[in-house]
């Protein structure tokens, strides 16, 4: 491992080594959880759009994603 690390340091400016070093390898379980969360978030967004589309105009307010996850406002 030390030898590999030294090789990476020595050739860090070589284009192919740089490309490999910039990859972020995740464990499969974490990668799958991120994928599942993305699917769930997209489903929630689509359901809200459908609910807004099929209800009376103005009855379902538009709340930005950033405002949804605020727990409390500090004064």
Protein backbone atom coordinates (compact mmCIF):
# COMPACT_ATOMS: atom_id res chain seq x y z
CA UNK A 1 0.00 0.00 0.00
CA UNK A 2 2.86 2.37 0.80
CA UNK A 3 4.50 1.59 -2.52
CA UNK A 4 1.26 2.29 -4.39
CA UNK A 5 0.82 5.53 -2.46
CA UNK A 6 4.37 6.66 -3.37
CA UNK A 7 3.74 5.85 -7.03
CA UNK A 8 0.56 7.94 -6.95
CA UNK A 9 2.47 10.83 -5.38
CA UNK A 10 5.32 10.55 -7.88
CA UNK A 11 3.11 10.46 -10.98
CA UNK A 12 0.23 12.59 -9.69
CA UNK A 13 0.46 15.02 -12.62
CA UNK A 14 0.25 12.35 -15.31
CA UNK A 15 -3.19 12.64 -16.98
CA UNK A 16 -4.16 8.98 -16.61
CA UNK A 17 -3.08 8.80 -12.96
CA UNK A 18 -4.90 12.04 -12.21
CA UNK A 19 -8.09 10.67 -13.79
CA UNK A 20 -7.91 7.50 -11.71
CA UNK A 21 -7.09 9.41 -8.51
CA UNK A 22 -10.07 11.74 -8.92
CA UNK A 23 -12.55 8.86 -8.89
CA UNK A 24 -14.35 8.49 -5.61
CA UNK A 25 -14.96 4.83 -4.91
CA UNK A 26 -17.87 4.14 -2.57
CA UNK A 27 -18.87 0.89 -0.90
CA UNK A 28 -21.69 -0.79 -2.78
CA UNK A 29 -24.12 -0.49 0.14
CA UNK A 30 -23.63 3.29 0.34
CA UNK A 31 -23.91 3.64 -3.44
CA UNK A 32 -27.20 1.69 -3.46
CA UNK A 33 -28.59 3.75 -0.56
CA UNK A 34 -27.79 6.98 -2.40
CA UNK A 35 -29.49 5.62 -5.51
CA UNK A 36 -32.57 4.60 -3.51
CA UNK A 37 -32.77 8.02 -1.82
CA UNK A 38 -32.57 9.70 -5.23
CA UNK A 39 -35.46 7.56 -6.51
CA UNK A 40 -37.53 8.33 -3.41
CA UNK A 41 -36.85 12.08 -3.67
CA UNK A 42 -37.83 12.08 -7.36
CA UNK A 43 -41.04 10.14 -6.57
CA UNK A 44 -41.99 12.65 -3.87
CA UNK A 45 -41.35 15.53 -6.26
CA UNK A 46 -43.42 13.93 -9.03
CA UNK A 47 -46.29 13.16 -6.66
CA UNK A 48 -46.34 16.75 -5.46
CA UNK A 49 -46.39 17.99 -9.06
CA UNK A 50 -49.28 15.64 -9.88
CA UNK A 51 -51.16 16.74 -6.76
CA UNK A 52 -50.64 20.39 -7.72
CA UNK A 53 -51.68 19.69 -11.32
CA UNK A 54 -54.97 17.98 -10.37
CA UNK A 55 -56.12 20.28 -7.59
CA UNK A 56 -57.65 23.74 -7.55
CA UNK A 57 -55.10 26.45 -8.43
CA UNK A 58 -53.52 27.89 -5.30
CA UNK A 59 -54.79 25.19 -2.92
CA UNK A 60 -51.44 23.34 -2.84
CA UNK A 61 -48.74 25.94 -2.11
CA UNK A 62 -45.30 25.68 -3.66
CA UNK A 63 -42.65 25.21 -0.94
CA UNK A 64 -39.00 25.26 -2.10
CA UNK A 65 -36.85 22.22 -1.25
CA UNK A 66 -34.52 24.35 0.87
CA UNK A 67 -37.39 25.57 3.05
CA UNK A 68 -38.86 22.07 3.58
CA UNK A 69 -36.03 20.74 5.75
CA UNK A 70 -35.69 23.68 8.15
CA UNK A 71 -36.48 22.44 11.65
CA UNK A 72 -36.43 25.77 13.52
CA UNK A 73 -35.55 29.37 12.83
CA UNK A 74 -33.03 30.94 15.21
CA UNK A 75 -33.77 34.56 16.06
